[in-house]
Full PDB file with SEQRES, HELIX, SHEET, SSBOND, CRYST1, ORIGX, SCALE, CONECT and MASTER records, all heavy atoms in Angstrom:
SEQRES   1 A   41  ILE ALA ILE ALA GLU MET ARG LYS ARG SER SER LEU SER          
SEQRES   2 A   41  THR LEU LEU SER SER LEU SER ALA LEU PRO GLY ILE HIS          
SEQRES   3 A   41  SER ILE LYS MET ILE LYS GLU PRO ALA VAL LEU ASP ALA          
SEQRES   4 A   41  SER VAL                                                      
HELIX    1 AA1 ALA A    2  SER A   10  1                                   9    
HELIX    2 AA2 LEU A   12  SER A   20  1                                   9    
CRYST1    1.000    1.000    1.000  90.00  90.00  90.00 P 1           1          
ORIGX1      1.000000  0.000000  0.000000        0.00000                         
ORIGX2      0.000000  1.000000  0.000000        0.00000                         
ORIGX3      0.000000  0.000000  1.000000        0.00000                         
SCALE1      1.000000  0.000000  0.000000        0.00000                         
SCALE2      0.000000  1.000000  0.000000        0.00000                         
SCALE3      0.000000  0.000000  1.000000        0.00000                         
ATOM      1  N   ILE A   1    -105.497   9.403   1.672  1.00  0.00           N  
ATOM      2  CA  ILE A   1    -106.260   8.378   2.438  1.00  0.00           C  
ATOM      3  C   ILE A   1    -106.107   6.971   1.878  1.00  0.00           C  
ATOM      4  O   ILE A   1    -105.883   6.071   2.547  1.00  0.00           O  
ATOM      5  CB  ILE A   1    -107.784   8.732   2.592  1.00  0.00           C  
ATOM      6  CG1 ILE A   1    -107.900  10.110   3.376  1.00  0.00           C  
ATOM      7  CG2 ILE A   1    -108.618   7.640   3.199  1.00  0.00           C  
ATOM      8  CD1 ILE A   1    -109.350  10.572   3.481  1.00  0.00           C  
ATOM      9  N   ALA A   2    -106.199   6.843   0.555  1.00  0.00           N  
ATOM     10  CA  ALA A   2    -106.080   5.490  -0.058  1.00  0.00           C  
ATOM     11  C   ALA A   2    -104.690   5.034   0.095  1.00  0.00           C  
ATOM     12  O   ALA A   2    -104.509   3.790   0.373  1.00  0.00           O  
ATOM     13  CB  ALA A   2    -106.465   5.674  -1.578  1.00  0.00           C  
ATOM     14  N   ILE A   3    -103.620   5.859   0.017  1.00  0.00           N  
ATOM     15  CA  ILE A   3    -102.273   5.490   0.143  1.00  0.00           C  
ATOM     16  C   ILE A   3    -102.022   5.043   1.575  1.00  0.00           C  
ATOM     17  O   ILE A   3    -101.266   4.003   1.810  1.00  0.00           O  
ATOM     18  CB  ILE A   3    -101.350   6.495  -0.334  1.00  0.00           C  
ATOM     19  CG1 ILE A   3    -101.481   6.738  -1.709  1.00  0.00           C  
ATOM     20  CG2 ILE A   3     -99.884   6.052  -0.086  1.00  0.00           C  
ATOM     21  CD1 ILE A   3    -100.722   7.933  -2.333  1.00  0.00           C  
ATOM     22  N   ALA A   4    -102.552   5.778   2.574  1.00  0.00           N  
ATOM     23  CA  ALA A   4    -102.491   5.442   3.848  1.00  0.00           C  
ATOM     24  C   ALA A   4    -103.021   4.041   4.240  1.00  0.00           C  
ATOM     25  O   ALA A   4    -102.573   3.360   5.066  1.00  0.00           O  
ATOM     26  CB  ALA A   4    -103.013   6.537   4.738  1.00  0.00           C  
ATOM     27  N   GLU A   5    -104.208   3.838   3.637  1.00  0.00           N  
ATOM     28  CA  GLU A   5    -104.845   2.577   3.829  1.00  0.00           C  
ATOM     29  C   GLU A   5    -103.951   1.416   3.249  1.00  0.00           C  
ATOM     30  O   GLU A   5    -103.884   0.315   3.929  1.00  0.00           O  
ATOM     31  CB  GLU A   5    -106.226   2.500   3.196  1.00  0.00           C  
ATOM     32  CG  GLU A   5    -107.022   1.235   3.312  1.00  0.00           C  
ATOM     33  CD  GLU A   5    -107.466   0.996   4.801  1.00  0.00           C  
ATOM     34  OE1 GLU A   5    -107.416   1.886   5.625  1.00  0.00           O  
ATOM     35  OE2 GLU A   5    -107.650  -0.239   5.053  1.00  0.00           O  
ATOM     36  N   MET A   6    -103.341   1.643   2.175  1.00  0.00           N  
ATOM     37  CA  MET A   6    -102.539   0.593   1.534  1.00  0.00           C  
ATOM     38  C   MET A   6    -101.307   0.391   2.468  1.00  0.00           C  
ATOM     39  O   MET A   6    -100.768  -0.646   2.586  1.00  0.00           O  
ATOM     40  CB  MET A   6    -102.057   1.074   0.131  1.00  0.00           C  
ATOM     41  CG  MET A   6    -101.447   0.002  -0.582  1.00  0.00           C  
ATOM     42  SD  MET A   6    -100.828   0.492  -2.235  1.00  0.00           S  
ATOM     43  CE  MET A   6     -99.532   1.717  -1.795  1.00  0.00           C  
ATOM     44  N   ARG A   7    -100.828   1.562   2.944  1.00  0.00           N  
ATOM     45  CA  ARG A   7     -99.552   1.443   3.901  1.00  0.00           C  
ATOM     46  C   ARG A   7    -100.009   0.578   5.073  1.00  0.00           C  
ATOM     47  O   ARG A   7     -99.182  -0.274   5.549  1.00  0.00           O  
ATOM     48  CB  ARG A   7     -99.181   2.846   4.364  1.00  0.00           C  
ATOM     49  CG  ARG A   7     -98.389   3.584   3.272  1.00  0.00           C  
ATOM     50  CD  ARG A   7     -98.218   5.080   3.657  1.00  0.00           C  
ATOM     51  NE  ARG A   7     -97.513   5.059   4.989  1.00  0.00           N  
ATOM     52  CZ  ARG A   7     -96.181   5.106   5.004  1.00  0.00           C  
ATOM     53  NH1 ARG A   7     -95.394   5.189   4.024  1.00  0.00           N  
ATOM     54  NH2 ARG A   7     -95.466   5.092   6.251  1.00  0.00           N  
ATOM     55  N   LYS A   8    -101.217   0.866   5.594  1.00  0.00           N  
ATOM     56  CA  LYS A   8    -101.685   0.032   6.786  1.00  0.00           C  
ATOM     57  C   LYS A   8    -101.792  -1.454   6.487  1.00  0.00           C  
ATOM     58  O   LYS A   8    -101.287  -2.237   7.224  1.00  0.00           O  
ATOM     59  CB  LYS A   8    -102.886   0.575   7.214  1.00  0.00           C  
ATOM     60  CG  LYS A   8    -103.518  -0.084   8.434  1.00  0.00           C  
ATOM     61  CD  LYS A   8    -104.861   0.550   8.919  1.00  0.00           C  
ATOM     62  CE  LYS A   8    -105.364  -0.277  10.173  1.00  0.00           C  
ATOM     63  NZ  LYS A   8    -106.699   0.326  10.560  1.00  0.00           N  
ATOM     64  N   ARG A   9    -102.498  -1.742   5.268  1.00  0.00           N  
ATOM     65  CA  ARG A   9    -102.605  -3.163   4.925  1.00  0.00           C  
ATOM     66  C   ARG A   9    -101.282  -3.719   4.510  1.00  0.00           C  
ATOM     67  O   ARG A   9    -101.153  -4.987   4.540  1.00  0.00           O  
ATOM     68  CB  ARG A   9    -103.548  -3.276   3.799  1.00  0.00           C  
ATOM     69  CG  ARG A   9    -104.952  -2.782   4.158  1.00  0.00           C  
ATOM     70  CD  ARG A   9    -105.904  -2.970   2.967  1.00  0.00           C  
ATOM     71  NE  ARG A   9    -107.286  -2.590   3.289  1.00  0.00           N  
ATOM     72  CZ  ARG A   9    -108.245  -2.707   2.487  1.00  0.00           C  
ATOM     73  NH1 ARG A   9    -108.083  -3.213   1.233  1.00  0.00           N  
ATOM     74  NH2 ARG A   9    -109.576  -2.379   2.807  1.00  0.00           N  
ATOM     75  N   SER A  10    -100.287  -2.942   4.041  1.00  0.00           N  
ATOM     76  CA  SER A  10     -99.056  -3.511   3.660  1.00  0.00           C  
ATOM     77  C   SER A  10     -98.059  -3.535   4.766  1.00  0.00           C  
ATOM     78  O   SER A  10     -96.858  -3.917   4.537  1.00  0.00           O  
ATOM     79  CB  SER A  10     -98.422  -2.743   2.497  1.00  0.00           C  
ATOM     80  OG  SER A  10     -99.419  -2.777   1.368  1.00  0.00           O  
ATOM     81  N   SER A  11     -98.307  -3.035   5.883  1.00  0.00           N  
ATOM     82  CA  SER A  11     -97.430  -2.956   7.050  1.00  0.00           C  
ATOM     83  C   SER A  11     -97.027  -4.347   7.449  1.00  0.00           C  
ATOM     84  O   SER A  11     -97.681  -5.362   7.370  1.00  0.00           O  
ATOM     85  CB  SER A  11     -97.962  -2.172   8.263  1.00  0.00           C  
ATOM     86  OG  SER A  11     -99.101  -2.807   8.778  1.00  0.00           O  
ATOM     87  N   LEU A  12     -95.792  -4.436   8.025  1.00  0.00           N  
ATOM     88  CA  LEU A  12     -95.290  -5.720   8.527  1.00  0.00           C  
ATOM     89  C   LEU A  12     -96.153  -6.281   9.540  1.00  0.00           C  
ATOM     90  O   LEU A  12     -96.517  -7.489   9.545  1.00  0.00           O  
ATOM     91  CB  LEU A  12     -93.805  -5.415   9.071  1.00  0.00           C  
ATOM     92  CG  LEU A  12     -93.212  -6.861   9.537  1.00  0.00           C  
ATOM     93  CD1 LEU A  12     -93.096  -7.856   8.409  1.00  0.00           C  
ATOM     94  CD2 LEU A  12     -91.830  -6.437  10.089  1.00  0.00           C  
ATOM     95  N   SER A  13     -96.682  -5.529  10.516  1.00  0.00           N  
ATOM     96  CA  SER A  13     -97.398  -6.037  11.625  1.00  0.00           C  
ATOM     97  C   SER A  13     -98.750  -6.608  11.092  1.00  0.00           C  
ATOM     98  O   SER A  13     -99.226  -7.670  11.505  1.00  0.00           O  
ATOM     99  CB  SER A  13     -97.681  -5.021  12.640  1.00  0.00           C  
ATOM    100  OG  SER A  13     -98.385  -3.838  12.127  1.00  0.00           O  
ATOM    101  N   THR A  14     -99.454  -5.891  10.158  1.00  0.00           N  
ATOM    102  CA  THR A  14    -100.727  -6.362   9.619  1.00  0.00           C  
ATOM    103  C   THR A  14    -100.532  -7.664   8.809  1.00  0.00           C  
ATOM    104  O   THR A  14    -101.302  -8.620   8.963  1.00  0.00           O  
ATOM    105  CB  THR A  14    -101.336  -5.263   8.673  1.00  0.00           C  
ATOM    106  OG1 THR A  14    -101.453  -4.113   9.431  1.00  0.00           O  
ATOM    107  CG2 THR A  14    -102.661  -5.736   8.143  1.00  0.00           C  
ATOM    108  N   LEU A  15     -99.402  -7.722   8.035  1.00  0.00           N  
ATOM    109  CA  LEU A  15     -99.213  -8.895   7.236  1.00  0.00           C  
ATOM    110  C   LEU A  15     -98.865 -10.152   8.104  1.00  0.00           C  
ATOM    111  O   LEU A  15     -99.428 -11.207   7.901  1.00  0.00           O  
ATOM    112  CB  LEU A  15     -97.903  -8.646   6.312  1.00  0.00           C  
ATOM    113  CG  LEU A  15     -97.689  -9.752   5.368  1.00  0.00           C  
ATOM    114  CD1 LEU A  15     -98.772 -10.087   4.451  1.00  0.00           C  
ATOM    115  CD2 LEU A  15     -96.389  -9.409   4.529  1.00  0.00           C  
ATOM    116  N   LEU A  16     -98.012  -9.859   9.125  1.00  0.00           N  
ATOM    117  CA  LEU A  16     -97.728 -11.045  10.039  1.00  0.00           C  
ATOM    118  C   LEU A  16     -99.038 -11.440  10.755  1.00  0.00           C  
ATOM    119  O   LEU A  16     -99.228 -12.648  11.016  1.00  0.00           O  
ATOM    120  CB  LEU A  16     -96.625 -10.599  11.000  1.00  0.00           C  
ATOM    121  CG  LEU A  16     -95.379 -10.269  10.282  1.00  0.00           C  
ATOM    122  CD1 LEU A  16     -94.273  -9.979  11.423  1.00  0.00           C  
ATOM    123  CD2 LEU A  16     -94.751 -11.497   9.518  1.00  0.00           C  
ATOM    124  N   SER A  17     -99.796 -10.431  11.128  1.00  0.00           N  
ATOM    125  CA  SER A  17    -101.004 -10.816  11.948  1.00  0.00           C  
ATOM    126  C   SER A  17    -101.999 -11.620  11.084  1.00  0.00           C  
ATOM    127  O   SER A  17    -102.702 -12.615  11.539  1.00  0.00           O  
ATOM    128  CB  SER A  17    -101.699  -9.503  12.468  1.00  0.00           C  
ATOM    129  OG  SER A  17    -102.916  -9.869  13.107  1.00  0.00           O  
ATOM    130  N   SER A  18    -102.144 -11.257   9.816  1.00  0.00           N  
ATOM    131  CA  SER A  18    -103.058 -11.951   8.903  1.00  0.00           C  
ATOM    132  C   SER A  18    -102.514 -13.317   8.687  1.00  0.00           C  
ATOM    133  O   SER A  18    -103.321 -14.327   8.662  1.00  0.00           O  
ATOM    134  CB  SER A  18    -103.155 -11.122   7.588  1.00  0.00           C  
ATOM    135  OG  SER A  18    -103.716  -9.862   7.805  1.00  0.00           O  
ATOM    136  N   LEU A  19    -101.262 -13.447   8.430  1.00  0.00           N  
ATOM    137  CA  LEU A  19    -100.731 -14.816   8.108  1.00  0.00           C  
ATOM    138  C   LEU A  19    -100.721 -15.722   9.345  1.00  0.00           C  
ATOM    139  O   LEU A  19    -100.941 -16.888   9.278  1.00  0.00           O  
ATOM    140  CB  LEU A  19     -99.325 -14.693   7.611  1.00  0.00           C  
ATOM    141  CG  LEU A  19     -99.169 -13.950   6.215  1.00  0.00           C  
ATOM    142  CD1 LEU A  19     -97.729 -13.848   5.814  1.00  0.00           C  
ATOM    143  CD2 LEU A  19     -99.911 -14.831   5.085  1.00  0.00           C  
ATOM    144  N   SER A  20    -100.589 -15.176  10.509  1.00  0.00           N  
ATOM    145  CA  SER A  20    -100.603 -15.871  11.832  1.00  0.00           C  
ATOM    146  C   SER A  20    -102.002 -16.592  12.042  1.00  0.00           C  
ATOM    147  O   SER A  20    -102.089 -17.522  12.740  1.00  0.00           O  
ATOM    148  CB  SER A  20    -100.122 -14.990  13.009  1.00  0.00           C  
ATOM    149  OG  SER A  20     -98.909 -14.519  12.768  1.00  0.00           O  
ATOM    150  N   ALA A  21    -103.069 -15.888  11.499  1.00  0.00           N  
ATOM    151  CA  ALA A  21    -104.379 -16.407  11.700  1.00  0.00           C  
ATOM    152  C   ALA A  21    -104.709 -17.509  10.729  1.00  0.00           C  
ATOM    153  O   ALA A  21    -105.820 -18.142  10.940  1.00  0.00           O  
ATOM    154  CB  ALA A  21    -105.391 -15.249  11.508  1.00  0.00           C  
ATOM    155  N   LEU A  22    -103.905 -17.873   9.813  1.00  0.00           N  
ATOM    156  CA  LEU A  22    -104.156 -18.871   8.798  1.00  0.00           C  
ATOM    157  C   LEU A  22    -104.036 -20.226   9.542  1.00  0.00           C  
ATOM    158  O   LEU A  22    -103.215 -20.348  10.389  1.00  0.00           O  
ATOM    159  CB  LEU A  22    -103.204 -18.908   7.616  1.00  0.00           C  
ATOM    160  CG  LEU A  22    -103.382 -17.690   6.710  1.00  0.00           C  
ATOM    161  CD1 LEU A  22    -102.258 -17.646   5.653  1.00  0.00           C  
ATOM    162  CD2 LEU A  22    -104.748 -17.664   6.050  1.00  0.00           C  
ATOM    163  N   PRO A  23    -104.800 -21.247   8.955  1.00  0.00           N  
ATOM    164  CA  PRO A  23    -104.747 -22.574   9.707  1.00  0.00           C  
ATOM    165  C   PRO A  23    -103.358 -23.193   9.540  1.00  0.00           C  
ATOM    166  O   PRO A  23    -102.832 -23.036   8.494  1.00  0.00           O  
ATOM    167  CB  PRO A  23    -105.825 -23.407   8.955  1.00  0.00           C  
ATOM    168  CG  PRO A  23    -106.688 -22.347   8.351  1.00  0.00           C  
ATOM    169  CD  PRO A  23    -105.915 -21.196   8.056  1.00  0.00           C  
ATOM    170  N   GLY A  24    -102.897 -23.916  10.499  1.00  0.00           N  
ATOM    171  CA  GLY A  24    -101.620 -24.592  10.517  1.00  0.00           C  
ATOM    172  C   GLY A  24    -100.443 -23.661  10.923  1.00  0.00           C  
ATOM    173  O   GLY A  24     -99.352 -24.193  11.090  1.00  0.00           O  
ATOM    174  N   ILE A  25    -100.640 -22.347  11.125  1.00  0.00           N  
ATOM    175  CA  ILE A  25     -99.593 -21.501  11.655  1.00  0.00           C  
ATOM    176  C   ILE A  25     -99.777 -21.200  13.100  1.00  0.00           C  
ATOM    177  O   ILE A  25    -100.812 -20.716  13.457  1.00  0.00           O  
ATOM    178  CB  ILE A  25     -99.469 -20.244  10.816  1.00  0.00           C  
ATOM    179  CG1 ILE A  25     -99.175 -20.527   9.365  1.00  0.00           C  
ATOM    180  CG2 ILE A  25     -98.431 -19.365  11.315  1.00  0.00           C  
ATOM    181  CD1 ILE A  25     -99.111 -19.315   8.409  1.00  0.00           C  
ATOM    182  N   HIS A  26     -98.733 -21.534  13.811  1.00  0.00           N  
ATOM    183  CA  HIS A  26     -98.837 -21.273  15.336  1.00  0.00           C  
ATOM    184  C   HIS A  26     -98.633 -19.762  15.596  1.00  0.00           C  
ATOM    185  O   HIS A  26     -99.363 -19.096  16.264  1.00  0.00           O  
ATOM    186  CB  HIS A  26     -97.771 -22.086  16.050  1.00  0.00           C  
ATOM    187  CG  HIS A  26     -97.776 -21.857  17.595  1.00  0.00           C  
ATOM    188  ND1 HIS A  26     -97.101 -20.955  18.192  1.00  0.00           N  
ATOM    189  CD2 HIS A  26     -98.588 -22.577  18.440  1.00  0.00           C  
ATOM    190  CE1 HIS A  26     -97.367 -21.073  19.471  1.00  0.00           C  
ATOM    191  NE2 HIS A  26     -98.282 -21.999  19.644  1.00  0.00           N  
ATOM    192  N   SER A  27     -97.496 -19.182  14.902  1.00  0.00           N  
ATOM    193  CA  SER A  27     -97.192 -17.799  15.218  1.00  0.00           C  
ATOM    194  C   SER A  27     -96.114 -17.423  14.111  1.00  0.00           C  
ATOM    195  O   SER A  27     -95.358 -18.302  13.724  1.00  0.00           O  
ATOM    196  CB  SER A  27     -96.713 -17.440  16.461  1.00  0.00           C  
ATOM    197  OG  SER A  27     -95.495 -18.065  16.868  1.00  0.00           O  
ATOM    198  N   ILE A  28     -96.125 -16.114  13.821  1.00  0.00           N  
ATOM    199  CA  ILE A  28     -95.097 -15.565  12.891  1.00  0.00           C  
ATOM    200  C   ILE A  28     -94.617 -14.250  13.608  1.00  0.00           C  
ATOM    201  O   ILE A  28     -95.506 -13.413  13.865  1.00  0.00           O  
ATOM    202  CB  ILE A  28     -95.600 -15.264  11.562  1.00  0.00           C  
ATOM    203  CG1 ILE A  28     -96.167 -16.523  10.851  1.00  0.00           C  
ATOM    204  CG2 ILE A  28     -94.582 -14.606  10.578  1.00  0.00           C  
ATOM    205  CD1 ILE A  28     -96.830 -16.311   9.524  1.00  0.00           C  
ATOM    206  N   LYS A  29     -93.337 -14.036  13.751  1.00  0.00           N  
ATOM    207  CA  LYS A  29     -92.881 -12.906  14.295  1.00  0.00           C  
ATOM    208  C   LYS A  29     -91.527 -12.506  13.669  1.00  0.00           C  
ATOM    209  O   LYS A  29     -90.846 -13.315  13.135  1.00  0.00           O  
ATOM    210  CB  LYS A  29     -92.721 -13.026  15.791  1.00  0.00           C  
ATOM    211  CG  LYS A  29     -91.852 -14.155  16.234  1.00  0.00           C  
ATOM    212  CD  LYS A  29     -91.900 -14.355  17.798  1.00  0.00           C  
ATOM    213  CE  LYS A  29     -90.886 -15.500  18.254  1.00  0.00           C  
ATOM    214  NZ  LYS A  29     -90.998 -15.627  19.712  1.00  0.00           N  
ATOM    215  N   MET A  30     -91.102 -11.220  13.799  1.00  0.00           N  
ATOM    216  CA  MET A  30     -89.882 -10.647  13.373  1.00  0.00           C  
ATOM    217  C   MET A  30     -89.046 -10.288  14.549  1.00  0.00           C  
ATOM    218  O   MET A  30     -89.520  -9.481  15.433  1.00  0.00           O  
ATOM    219  CB  MET A  30     -90.117  -9.519  12.382  1.00  0.00           C  
ATOM    220  CG  MET A  30     -88.876  -9.099  11.723  1.00  0.00           C  
ATOM    221  SD  MET A  30     -88.206 -10.142  10.474  1.00  0.00           S  
ATOM    222  CE  MET A  30     -89.545  -9.787   9.242  1.00  0.00           C  
ATOM    223  N   ILE A  31     -87.780 -10.881  14.632  1.00  0.00           N  
ATOM    224  CA  ILE A  31     -86.951 -10.548  15.808  1.00  0.00           C  
ATOM    225  C   ILE A  31     -85.662  -9.881  15.323  1.00  0.00           C  
ATOM    226  O   ILE A  31     -85.371 -10.071  14.074  1.00  0.00           O  
ATOM    227  CB  ILE A  31     -86.715 -11.782  16.635  1.00  0.00           C  
ATOM    228  CG1 ILE A  31     -86.005 -12.841  15.880  1.00  0.00           C  
ATOM    229  CG2 ILE A  31     -87.996 -12.318  17.180  1.00  0.00           C  
ATOM    230  CD1 ILE A  31     -85.605 -14.102  16.753  1.00  0.00           C  
ATOM    231  N   LYS A  32     -84.891  -9.378  16.181  1.00  0.00           N  
ATOM    232  CA  LYS A  32     -83.655  -8.634  15.710  1.00  0.00           C  
ATOM    233  C   LYS A  32     -82.489  -9.566  15.811  1.00  0.00           C  
ATOM    234  O   LYS A  32     -81.316  -9.183  15.443  1.00  0.00           O  
ATOM    235  CB  LYS A  32     -83.363  -7.405  16.605  1.00  0.00           C  
ATOM    236  CG  LYS A  32     -84.432  -6.342  16.457  1.00  0.00           C  
ATOM    237  CD  LYS A  32     -84.528  -5.848  15.077  1.00  0.00           C  
ATOM    238  CE  LYS A  32     -85.571  -4.771  14.999  1.00  0.00           C  
ATOM    239  NZ  LYS A  32     -85.623  -4.193  13.496  1.00  0.00           N  
ATOM    240  N   GLU A  33     -82.596 -10.817  16.356  1.00  0.00           N  
ATOM    241  CA  GLU A  33     -81.513 -11.723  16.480  1.00  0.00           C  
ATOM    242  C   GLU A  33     -81.033 -12.192  15.072  1.00  0.00           C  
ATOM    243  O   GLU A  33     -81.852 -12.489  14.252  1.00  0.00           O  
ATOM    244  CB  GLU A  33     -81.960 -12.879  17.350  1.00  0.00           C  
ATOM    245  CG  GLU A  33     -82.307 -12.499  18.773  1.00  0.00           C  
ATOM    246  CD  GLU A  33     -82.718 -13.702  19.541  1.00  0.00           C  
ATOM    247  OE1 GLU A  33     -82.671 -14.885  18.982  1.00  0.00           O  
ATOM    248  OE2 GLU A  33     -83.142 -13.508  20.747  1.00  0.00           O  
ATOM    249  N   PRO A  34     -79.746 -12.402  14.929  1.00  0.00           N  
ATOM    250  CA  PRO A  34     -79.294 -12.870  13.693  1.00  0.00           C  
ATOM    251  C   PRO A  34     -79.565 -14.312  13.432  1.00  0.00           C  
ATOM    252  O   PRO A  34     -79.576 -15.084  14.436  1.00  0.00           O  
ATOM    253  CB  PRO A  34     -77.751 -12.573  13.679  1.00  0.00           C  
ATOM    254  CG  PRO A  34     -77.410 -12.499  15.125  1.00  0.00           C  
ATOM    255  CD  PRO A  34     -78.591 -12.001  15.785  1.00  0.00           C  
ATOM    256  N   ALA A  35     -79.857 -14.776  12.297  1.00  0.00           N  
ATOM    257  CA  ALA A  35     -80.148 -16.236  11.843  1.00  0.00           C  
ATOM    258  C   ALA A  35     -78.987 -16.712  11.056  1.00  0.00           C  
ATOM    259  O   ALA A  35     -78.443 -16.086  10.219  1.00  0.00           O  
ATOM    260  CB  ALA A  35     -81.542 -16.330  11.270  1.00  0.00           C  
ATOM    261  N   VAL A  36     -78.696 -18.093  11.376  1.00  0.00           N  
ATOM    262  CA  VAL A  36     -77.706 -18.708  10.543  1.00  0.00           C  
ATOM    263  C   VAL A  36     -78.343 -19.157   9.228  1.00  0.00           C  
ATOM    264  O   VAL A  36     -79.433 -19.677   9.182  1.00  0.00           O  
ATOM    265  CB  VAL A  36     -77.246 -19.980  11.367  1.00  0.00           C  
ATOM    266  CG1 VAL A  36     -76.121 -20.760  10.579  1.00  0.00           C  
ATOM    267  CG2 VAL A  36     -76.684 -19.610  12.694  1.00  0.00           C  
ATOM    268  N   LEU A  37     -77.502 -18.872   8.118  1.00  0.00           N  
ATOM    269  CA  LEU A  37     -78.009 -19.186   6.846  1.00  0.00           C  
ATOM    270  C   LEU A  37     -78.151 -20.714   6.701  1.00  0.00           C  
ATOM    271  O   LEU A  37     -77.338 -21.510   7.202  1.00  0.00           O  
ATOM    272  CB  LEU A  37     -77.033 -18.657   5.726  1.00  0.00           C  
ATOM    273  CG  LEU A  37     -77.035 -17.135   5.634  1.00  0.00           C  
ATOM    274  CD1 LEU A  37     -76.043 -16.648   4.708  1.00  0.00           C  
ATOM    275  CD2 LEU A  37     -78.401 -16.542   5.483  1.00  0.00           C  
ATOM    276  N   ASP A  38     -79.186 -21.117   5.919  1.00  0.00           N  
ATOM    277  CA  ASP A  38     -79.460 -22.573   5.600  1.00  0.00           C  
ATOM    278  C   ASP A  38     -79.547 -23.409   6.900  1.00  0.00           C  
ATOM    279  O   ASP A  38     -79.076 -24.572   7.035  1.00  0.00           O  
ATOM    280  CB  ASP A  38     -78.313 -23.171   4.761  1.00  0.00           C  
ATOM    281  CG  ASP A  38     -78.215 -22.402   3.379  1.00  0.00           C  
ATOM    282  OD1 ASP A  38     -79.293 -22.008   2.977  1.00  0.00           O  
ATOM    283  OD2 ASP A  38     -77.069 -22.311   2.810  1.00  0.00           O  
ATOM    284  N   ALA A  39     -80.063 -22.763   7.954  1.00  0.00           N  
ATOM    285  CA  ALA A  39     -80.263 -23.535   9.266  1.00  0.00           C  
ATOM    286  C   ALA A  39     -81.298 -24.564   9.055  1.00  0.00           C  
ATOM    287  O   ALA A  39     -82.298 -24.291   8.310  1.00  0.00           O  
ATOM    288  CB  ALA A  39     -80.572 -22.670  10.346  1.00  0.00           C  
ATOM    289  N   SER A  40     -81.344 -25.735   9.577  1.00  0.00           N  
ATOM    290  CA  SER A  40     -82.304 -26.708   9.594  1.00  0.00           C  
ATOM    291  C   SER A  40     -83.469 -26.363  10.374  1.00  0.00           C  
ATOM    292  O   SER A  40     -83.382 -25.644  11.296  1.00  0.00           O  
ATOM    293  CB  SER A  40     -81.673 -28.046  10.026  1.00  0.00           C  
ATOM    294  OG  SER A  40     -81.298 -27.950  11.407  1.00  0.00           O  
ATOM    295  N   VAL A  41     -84.586 -26.950  10.102  1.00  0.00           N  
ATOM    296  CA  VAL A  41     -85.854 -26.675  10.831  1.00  0.00           C  
ATOM    297  C   VAL A  41     -85.817 -27.467  12.143  1.00  0.00           C  
ATOM    298  O   VAL A  41     -85.398 -28.693  12.168  1.00  0.00           O  
ATOM    299  CB  VAL A  41     -87.070 -27.106  10.002  1.00  0.00           C  
ATOM    300  CG1 VAL A  41     -88.341 -26.896  10.781  1.00  0.00           C  
ATOM    301  CG2 VAL A  41     -87.200 -26.398   8.663  1.00  0.00           C  
TER     302      VAL A  41                                                      
MASTER        0    0    0    2    0    0    0    6  301    1    0    4          
END                                                                             
């Protein structure tokens, strides 16, 4: 049970959801499209 809870808290969706709720962040998501290295903001 304890390990399952840690898996849940450490999952990608939970982490992204928690970080997305922080002030100043509009959204955070993971997509399958390739990204160009050293791309400008």
